Protein backbone atom coordinates (compact mmCIF):
# COMPACT_ATOMS: atom_id res chain seq x y z
CA MET A 1 3.89 -10.50 -107.43
CA ASP A 2 7.68 -10.40 -105.34
CA ALA A 3 8.11 -6.94 -103.63
CA GLU A 4 10.84 -5.75 -105.80
CA ASN A 5 7.93 -5.64 -109.03
CA ILE A 6 5.80 -3.87 -106.64
CA LEU A 7 8.10 -1.24 -105.79
CA ALA A 8 8.50 -0.28 -109.75
CA THR A 9 4.57 -0.85 -110.03
CA VAL A 10 4.26 2.14 -107.47
CA VAL A 11 7.84 3.88 -108.72
CA PHE A 12 6.16 4.25 -112.58
CA LEU A 13 2.77 5.22 -111.33
CA LEU A 14 4.34 8.20 -108.90
CA LEU A 15 6.02 9.31 -111.68
CA GLU A 16 2.53 9.24 -114.55
CA GLU A 17 0.83 11.16 -111.64
CA LEU A 18 3.87 13.96 -111.52
CA GLN A 19 4.01 14.22 -115.40
CA GLN A 20 0.27 15.01 -115.25
CA ILE A 21 0.26 17.52 -112.75
CA THR A 22 3.27 19.48 -114.37
CA ARG A 23 0.91 18.99 -117.77
CA HIS A 24 -2.06 20.62 -115.93
CA ARG A 25 0.05 23.08 -114.61
CA GLN A 26 1.46 24.19 -117.92
CA VAL A 27 -1.64 24.46 -119.27
CA ILE A 28 -2.93 26.69 -116.71
CA LEU A 29 0.63 28.44 -117.43
CA LEU A 30 -0.56 28.99 -120.85
CA ARG A 31 -3.86 29.99 -120.14
CA LEU A 32 -2.72 32.81 -117.55
CA ILE A 33 0.04 33.98 -120.61
CA GLN A 34 -2.94 34.09 -123.05
CA ASP A 35 -5.62 36.07 -120.68
CA HIS A 36 -2.98 38.62 -119.73
CA VAL A 37 -2.10 39.49 -123.30
CA GLN A 38 -5.67 39.72 -124.34
CA THR A 39 -6.42 41.37 -121.60
CA ARG A 40 -3.19 43.86 -121.71
CA PRO A 41 -4.11 47.46 -123.18
CA LEU A 42 -3.66 47.51 -126.93
CA TYR A 43 -1.20 50.94 -126.69
CA CYS A 44 1.37 48.90 -124.80
CA ARG A 45 1.99 45.78 -126.97
CA ILE A 46 5.33 45.80 -128.38
CA ASN A 47 5.40 45.73 -132.01
CA LEU A 48 8.11 43.15 -132.55
CA SER A 49 7.42 43.28 -136.39
CA VAL A 50 9.14 47.32 -136.17
CA PRO A 51 12.19 47.33 -137.58
CA VAL A 52 14.41 48.68 -135.20
CA LEU A 53 13.06 46.56 -132.39
CA ASP A 54 13.62 43.10 -134.65
CA ARG A 55 16.94 43.75 -135.32
CA PHE A 56 17.57 45.08 -131.72
CA PHE A 57 16.03 41.80 -130.44
CA ASN A 58 17.89 39.73 -133.02
CA ASP A 59 21.33 40.77 -131.77
CA ASP A 60 21.94 42.88 -134.88
CA ASP A 61 24.71 45.83 -134.53
CA THR A 62 23.20 48.65 -132.57
CA ARG A 63 25.21 51.26 -133.37
CA PRO A 64 23.28 52.43 -136.68
CA ASN A 65 20.31 52.90 -135.44
CA PHE A 66 21.20 54.13 -131.34
CA HIS A 67 24.87 55.30 -131.96
CA LEU A 68 25.97 52.65 -128.82
CA SER A 69 27.19 49.08 -128.82
CA ARG A 70 24.80 46.59 -126.86
CA GLU A 71 27.31 46.80 -124.57
CA SER A 72 26.90 50.71 -123.72
CA VAL A 73 22.75 49.96 -123.79
CA ASN A 74 23.21 46.80 -121.08
CA MET A 75 25.27 49.71 -119.10
CA LEU A 76 22.81 51.96 -119.48
CA LEU A 77 19.97 49.92 -118.42
CA ASN A 78 21.63 48.66 -115.70
CA HIS A 79 22.69 52.36 -114.23
CA LEU A 80 18.81 53.66 -114.77
CA ASN A 81 15.89 52.85 -112.58
CA GLN A 82 14.53 49.12 -113.50
CA ASP A 83 11.28 50.05 -111.40
CA ARG A 84 8.74 51.04 -114.64
CA ARG A 85 4.35 52.30 -113.82
CA HIS A 86 3.47 50.99 -117.23
CA CYS A 87 3.78 47.81 -119.69
CA TRP A 88 6.26 49.30 -121.71
CA GLY A 89 9.31 48.20 -119.61
CA ALA A 90 13.02 50.10 -119.17
CA THR A 91 14.53 48.50 -122.41
CA ILE A 92 11.97 49.93 -124.72
CA GLU A 93 12.05 53.52 -122.91
CA VAL A 94 15.93 53.67 -123.29
CA LEU A 95 15.72 52.44 -126.81
CA VAL A 96 13.47 54.91 -127.58
CA PHE A 97 15.52 57.72 -125.72
CA ALA A 98 18.90 56.58 -127.32
CA PHE A 99 17.16 56.71 -131.10
CA TRP A 100 15.63 59.77 -130.22
CA LEU A 101 19.22 61.36 -129.51
CA ALA A 102 21.13 59.60 -132.02
CA SER A 103 18.71 60.46 -134.83
CA GLY A 104 17.56 63.93 -134.13
CA ALA A 105 14.05 63.12 -135.05
CA SER A 106 10.80 64.83 -133.93
CA TYR A 107 8.60 63.09 -131.57
CA ARG A 108 6.40 62.26 -134.29
CA VAL A 109 9.17 60.32 -136.17
CA VAL A 110 10.15 58.21 -133.24
CA SER A 111 6.51 57.19 -132.56
CA ARG A 112 6.46 56.24 -135.88
CA VAL A 113 9.46 54.25 -135.60
CA PHE A 114 8.57 52.51 -132.90
CA ALA A 115 4.51 52.39 -133.18
CA ILE A 116 4.26 54.13 -129.89
CA PRO A 117 1.90 56.70 -129.03
CA HIS A 118 3.48 60.38 -129.64
CA SER A 119 2.76 61.19 -126.14
CA THR A 120 4.32 58.37 -124.78
CA VAL A 121 7.79 59.06 -126.69
CA HIS A 122 7.41 62.84 -125.16
CA ARG A 123 7.20 61.25 -121.76
CA ILE A 124 9.76 58.67 -122.07
CA VAL A 125 12.65 61.59 -123.63
CA HIS A 126 11.92 63.65 -120.71
CA ARG A 127 11.85 61.02 -117.75
CA VAL A 128 14.71 59.18 -118.80
CA THR A 129 16.70 62.20 -119.44
CA GLU A 130 16.19 63.31 -115.81
CA GLU A 131 17.31 59.76 -114.60
CA VAL A 132 20.24 60.31 -116.75
CA VAL A 133 21.67 63.41 -115.43
CA ALA A 134 20.77 61.98 -112.37
CA ILE A 135 23.52 59.33 -112.38
CA ARG A 136 26.11 61.07 -114.58
CA HIS A 137 28.60 61.45 -111.17
CA GLN A 138 28.53 57.71 -111.11
CA VAL A 139 30.18 57.61 -114.97
CA ILE A 140 31.43 60.90 -115.54
CA HIS A 141 33.70 61.86 -112.72
CA LEU A 142 37.82 62.74 -112.65
CA PRO A 143 40.10 59.89 -111.39
CA ARG A 144 39.41 59.46 -107.66
CA THR A 145 42.72 57.85 -106.70
CA SER A 146 46.16 57.81 -107.14
CA GLU A 147 45.74 54.33 -108.82
CA ASP A 148 43.34 55.65 -111.19
CA LEU A 149 45.90 58.72 -112.03
CA HIS A 150 48.39 56.46 -112.74
CA ILE A 151 46.77 54.29 -115.35
CA VAL A 152 45.49 57.63 -117.10
CA SER A 153 48.62 59.18 -117.46
CA HIS A 154 50.01 55.58 -118.37
CA GLY A 155 47.16 55.13 -120.78
CA PHE A 156 48.40 58.57 -122.17
CA THR A 157 52.23 57.26 -122.17
CA GLU A 158 51.59 54.46 -124.38
CA LEU A 159 49.52 56.49 -126.90
CA ALA A 160 51.49 58.90 -127.64
CA ARG A 161 54.93 56.36 -127.45
CA HIS A 162 56.96 58.51 -124.92
CA ARG A 163 57.58 59.39 -121.36
CA ALA A 164 56.80 63.08 -121.72
CA PHE A 165 53.05 62.31 -121.62
CA LEU A 166 53.60 60.52 -117.87
CA LYS A 167 51.73 63.56 -116.03
CA ALA A 168 48.90 63.90 -118.37
CA ALA A 169 45.85 63.87 -116.48
CA GLY A 170 43.18 64.52 -119.22
CA ALA A 171 42.84 65.89 -122.57
CA THR A 172 40.08 68.89 -123.05
CA ASP A 173 38.30 70.29 -125.80
CA CYS A 174 35.27 72.15 -127.01
CA CYS A 175 32.21 71.41 -129.71
CA HIS A 176 28.83 73.47 -130.35
CA VAL A 177 25.63 71.81 -129.70
CA ARG A 178 23.08 73.60 -132.26
CA ILE A 179 20.25 75.33 -130.67
CA LYS A 180 17.51 77.27 -131.38
CA PRO A 181 18.61 80.96 -130.51
CA PRO A 182 16.18 82.86 -127.84
CA SER A 183 14.97 85.59 -129.20
CA GLY A 184 16.02 89.52 -129.29
CA PRO A 185 19.84 91.04 -129.40
CA ASP A 186 20.75 88.22 -127.07
CA GLY A 187 20.72 85.31 -129.84
CA GLN A 188 23.26 87.13 -131.84
CA CYS A 189 25.47 85.79 -129.12
CA TYR A 190 24.76 82.30 -129.82
CA ARG A 191 26.11 82.35 -133.32
CA SER A 192 29.57 80.46 -133.45
CA ARG A 193 32.33 81.72 -135.98
CA LYS A 194 30.61 79.69 -138.70
CA LEU A 195 27.27 81.45 -138.05
CA VAL A 196 25.52 78.98 -136.52
CA PRO A 197 23.18 79.27 -132.94
CA SER A 198 24.86 77.25 -130.73
CA ILE A 199 26.01 76.15 -127.26
CA ILE A 200 29.73 74.98 -125.88
CA LEU A 201 30.45 72.03 -124.50
CA GLN A 202 33.63 71.57 -122.67
CA ALA A 203 34.78 68.07 -122.32
CA VAL A 204 38.11 66.60 -120.35
CA CYS A 205 38.88 62.50 -121.42
CA ASP A 206 40.96 60.30 -120.19
CA HIS A 207 43.41 58.02 -122.39
CA GLN A 208 40.27 55.93 -123.79
CA GLY A 209 37.98 58.96 -124.89
CA ARG A 210 35.84 58.63 -122.29
CA PHE A 211 34.34 61.75 -120.31
CA ILE A 212 35.38 62.52 -117.01
CA ASP A 213 34.33 65.87 -116.73
CA THR A 214 31.95 67.89 -118.48
CA TYR A 215 30.69 71.94 -118.57
CA VAL A 216 28.24 73.04 -121.09
CA GLY A 217 25.77 76.17 -121.37
CA TRP A 218 28.36 78.92 -122.78
CA PRO A 219 27.05 80.83 -126.00
CA GLY A 220 28.54 79.96 -129.26
CA SER A 221 30.63 82.67 -129.89
CA VAL A 222 32.52 82.31 -126.83
CA HIS A 223 35.99 81.21 -126.89
CA ASP A 224 37.27 77.55 -125.75
CA SER A 225 39.86 79.26 -123.34
CA ARG A 226 37.06 81.66 -121.64
CA VAL A 227 35.16 78.59 -121.38
CA LEU A 228 37.59 76.84 -119.45
CA ARG A 229 38.82 79.69 -117.67
CA ASN A 230 35.05 79.95 -116.35
CA SER A 231 34.74 76.01 -115.90
CA PRO A 232 34.59 74.59 -112.14
CA VAL A 233 37.54 71.99 -113.52
CA TYR A 234 39.84 75.10 -113.41
CA ARG A 235 38.26 78.30 -111.54
CA GLN A 236 37.69 75.58 -108.44
CA ALA A 237 41.36 74.05 -109.03
CA ILE A 238 39.53 70.60 -109.33
CA SER A 239 42.04 69.25 -111.72
CA PRO A 240 44.91 68.70 -112.88
CA PRO A 241 46.46 67.37 -109.60
CA PRO A 242 49.93 69.03 -108.86
CA GLY A 243 52.69 68.16 -110.95
CA HIS A 244 50.25 67.01 -114.00
CA PHE A 245 48.77 68.98 -116.57
CA ILE A 246 45.91 68.29 -119.22
CA LEU A 247 46.37 68.18 -123.20
CA ALA A 248 44.49 70.55 -125.21
CA ASP A 249 45.39 72.21 -128.63
CA GLY A 250 46.90 75.11 -129.94
CA GLY A 251 43.68 77.37 -128.71
CA TYR A 252 44.08 77.17 -125.58
CA PRO A 253 46.78 79.07 -123.63
CA CYS A 254 49.47 77.11 -121.51
CA LEU A 255 48.29 77.43 -118.19
């Protein structure tokens, strides 16, 4: 046998040996995965047959269930702490939290929708709420540079198609968040003009409808203009910068 044939035989045998080693490693890996699944606590197994999870992991539209686009869900995941001390994982936590907010359902209903324990839903909602509040200033903030302010003002000008809006730095309004009113005589202060108990959320948005400032907590009976006058954006003259203005409807005075 010449040297070329010997070399070809050696290469063939080496390839066979490598393939056997690879197959052996794959078998070991599959066994490890199976052992992990079998020993994983039952309460931490994700039930992918649940309709809401099936639609999410099959790349269906997320807005009907979560009132968030898939891009927004991914952005929220990127901002939140990914380290979890249990088997559910950050994705499931964010989905549970978003569904609870979007549906307004009780913890018991959410636990049935996701097929997870009622107590777990309670912990998830409180933990993710704390994390969202902690990072809110990363995404909700006024224009930080003159370039950012120019983009907002130019955006309003494009929307209105008029140069009168070249100095617009935002648009503000209030909405009512329904609550269970406190007991006692003070509870009447929380009833809005529609007699619904609520607290007021004031928001300033940019030209794309994104929140750039929020202020919440006043009782529902208080007028929007009073909320504005007591908000940090007004009292501390945080915004708008000199020469600029914030847009609002006719319920606000011209300040």
